[in-house]
C-alpha atoms as a PDB file:
ATOM      1  CA  MET A   1     -20.900   1.044 -18.793  1.00  0.00           C
ATOM      2  CA  ILE A   2     -18.212   1.882 -16.892  1.00  0.00           C
ATOM      3  CA  TYR A   3     -14.980  -1.105 -15.996  1.00  0.00           C
ATOM      4  CA  GLU A   4     -12.624  -0.856 -13.643  1.00  0.00           C
ATOM      5  CA  LEU A   5      -9.059  -1.604 -13.721  1.00  0.00           C
ATOM      6  CA  LYS A   6      -6.602  -2.017 -11.403  1.00  0.00           C
ATOM      7  CA  MET A   7      -2.983  -3.003 -11.718  1.00  0.00           C
ATOM      8  CA  PRO A   8       0.450  -1.679 -10.077  1.00  0.00           C
ATOM      9  CA  LEU A   9       1.942   1.647 -11.173  1.00  0.00           C
ATOM     10  CA  PRO A  10       5.398   2.075 -13.004  1.00  0.00           C
ATOM     11  CA  PRO A  11       8.373   2.977 -11.119  1.00  0.00           C
ATOM     12  CA  THR A  12       8.753   6.302 -10.344  1.00  0.00           C
ATOM     13  CA  LEU A  13      10.962   9.251 -12.466  1.00  0.00           C
ATOM     14  CA  ASN A  14      13.658   8.858  -9.792  1.00  0.00           C
ATOM     15  CA  GLU A  15      13.484   4.203 -10.119  1.00  0.00           C
ATOM     16  CA  ILE A  16      13.429   5.127 -13.941  1.00  0.00           C
ATOM     17  CA  ILE A  17      16.653   7.342 -13.447  1.00  0.00           C
ATOM     18  CA  ASN A  18      18.668   5.372 -10.856  1.00  0.00           C
ATOM     19  CA  THR A  19      18.580   2.410 -12.896  1.00  0.00           C
ATOM     20  CA  ALA A  20      19.513   4.515 -16.375  1.00  0.00           C
ATOM     21  CA  ARG A  21      22.863   5.624 -14.040  1.00  0.00           C
ATOM     22  CA  SER A  22      23.638   1.897 -13.911  1.00  0.00           C
ATOM     23  CA  GLY A  23      24.217   2.072 -17.766  1.00  0.00           C
ATOM     24  CA  TRP A  24      21.469   1.407 -20.889  1.00  0.00           C
ATOM     25  CA  LYS A  25      20.996  -1.800 -21.005  1.00  0.00           C
ATOM     26  CA  ALA A  26      19.331  -1.767 -17.619  1.00  0.00           C
ATOM     27  CA  SER A  27      17.437   1.284 -19.015  1.00  0.00           C
ATOM     28  CA  ASN A  28      16.030  -0.676 -21.850  1.00  0.00           C
ATOM     29  CA  ASN A  29      15.172  -3.848 -19.572  1.00  0.00           C
ATOM     30  CA  LEU A  30      12.999  -2.019 -17.165  1.00  0.00           C
ATOM     31  CA  LYS A  31      10.947  -0.454 -20.246  1.00  0.00           C
ATOM     32  CA  LYS A  32      10.944  -3.483 -21.957  1.00  0.00           C
ATOM     33  CA  GLN A  33       9.304  -5.105 -19.021  1.00  0.00           C
ATOM     34  CA  TRP A  34       6.978  -3.045 -18.459  1.00  0.00           C
ATOM     35  CA  THR A  35       5.771  -2.647 -21.703  1.00  0.00           C
ATOM     36  CA  ASN A  36       5.005  -6.187 -21.732  1.00  0.00           C
ATOM     37  CA  LYS A  37       2.936  -6.213 -18.656  1.00  0.00           C
ATOM     38  CA  ILE A  38       1.117  -3.231 -20.376  1.00  0.00           C
ATOM     39  CA  ALA A  39       0.608  -4.612 -23.295  1.00  0.00           C
ATOM     40  CA  ASN A  40      -0.335  -8.265 -21.101  1.00  0.00           C
ATOM     41  CA  PHE A  41      -2.174  -6.217 -18.938  1.00  0.00           C
ATOM     42  CA  VAL A  42      -4.806  -4.516 -21.860  1.00  0.00           C
ATOM     43  CA  LYS A  43      -4.789  -8.109 -23.555  1.00  0.00           C
ATOM     44  CA  GLU A  44      -6.508 -10.038 -20.823  1.00  0.00           C
ATOM     45  CA  CYS A  45      -8.898  -7.632 -20.679  1.00  0.00           C
ATOM     46  CA  GLN A  46     -10.058  -8.097 -24.224  1.00  0.00           C
ATOM     47  CA  PHE A  47     -11.828  -4.701 -24.839  1.00  0.00           C
ATOM     48  CA  MET A  48     -12.591  -3.560 -28.045  1.00  0.00           C
ATOM     49  CA  PHE A  49     -13.386   0.362 -28.334  1.00  0.00           C
ATOM     50  CA  ASN A  50     -15.305   1.149 -31.364  1.00  0.00           C
ATOM     51  CA  ASP A  51     -16.239   4.537 -29.930  1.00  0.00           C
ATOM     52  CA  LYS A  52     -14.722   7.371 -28.171  1.00  0.00           C
ATOM     53  CA  ILE A  53     -13.252   6.638 -24.371  1.00  0.00           C
ATOM     54  CA  TRP A  54     -13.047   8.250 -21.409  1.00  0.00           C
ATOM     55  CA  ILE A  55      -9.966   7.421 -19.033  1.00  0.00           C
ATOM     56  CA  GLU A  56     -10.392   8.653 -15.439  1.00  0.00           C
ATOM     57  CA  PHE A  57      -7.568   7.785 -13.355  1.00  0.00           C
ATOM     58  CA  ASN A  58      -7.847   8.169  -9.678  1.00  0.00           C
ATOM     59  CA  TRP A  59      -3.808   8.621  -7.973  1.00  0.00           C
ATOM     60  CA  TYR A  60      -3.836   8.137  -4.307  1.00  0.00           C
ATOM     61  CA  LEU A  61      -1.219   9.887  -2.282  1.00  0.00           C
ATOM     62  CA  ARG A  62      -0.061   8.177   0.953  1.00  0.00           C
ATOM     63  CA  ASN A  63       0.875  11.622   2.643  1.00  0.00           C
ATOM     64  CA  LEU A  64      -1.004  15.053   1.260  1.00  0.00           C
ATOM     65  CA  VAL A  65      -0.791  16.850   3.264  1.00  0.00           C
ATOM     66  CA  GLY A  66       3.466  16.440   3.089  1.00  0.00           C
ATOM     67  CA  THR A  67       2.744  16.649  -0.630  1.00  0.00           C
ATOM     68  CA  LEU A  68       1.467  19.816  -0.461  1.00  0.00           C
ATOM     69  CA  ILE A  69       3.924  21.680   1.550  1.00  0.00           C
ATOM     70  CA  MET A  70       6.327  20.718  -1.091  1.00  0.00           C
ATOM     71  CA  TYR A  71       3.705  21.930  -3.777  1.00  0.00           C
ATOM     72  CA  LEU A  72       3.553  24.960  -1.933  1.00  0.00           C
ATOM     73  CA  ARG A  73       7.480  25.192  -1.322  1.00  0.00           C
ATOM     74  CA  ALA A  74       8.247  25.121  -5.010  1.00  0.00           C
ATOM     75  CA  VAL A  75       5.530  27.444  -5.842  1.00  0.00           C
ATOM     76  CA  ASN A  76       6.874  30.112  -3.932  1.00  0.00           C
ATOM     77  CA  SER A  77      10.505  29.487  -4.986  1.00  0.00           C
ATOM     78  CA  LEU A  78       9.069  29.602  -8.695  1.00  0.00           C
ATOM     79  CA  TRP A  79       7.304  33.078  -7.818  1.00  0.00           C
ATOM     80  CA  MET A  80      10.313  34.486  -5.887  1.00  0.00           C
ATOM     81  CA  VAL A  81      12.692  33.671  -8.853  1.00  0.00           C
ATOM     82  CA  SER A  82      10.150  35.523 -11.895  1.00  0.00           C
ATOM     83  CA  LEU A  83      10.697  38.993  -9.473  1.00  0.00           C
END
C-alpha cells in the first residue's frame, strides 16, 4: 500500500542560521514551531507501522541548471584543492 503525504518544507539552512544570529530564543522558537508542526501532521495521519517501512522523498528543484552549475563549480574547486 502506498500513501502520499504532502506538507510544506521546513526552513532552509540559511534561514535557520539567520534566525540563530538574532539570538538563541528565536532559534529555539523556530525549532519548537517546526517540531510541533511535524508532530501534529503525523498525528493527523493516524498511521500505525507494524513492520519495516520505506520512505521516499521527492525533492523538486526550481532551477535545475543553476543548481548543477553550482555543484560542478564546487566539485571543480575541491578537485583543484586536492592537487
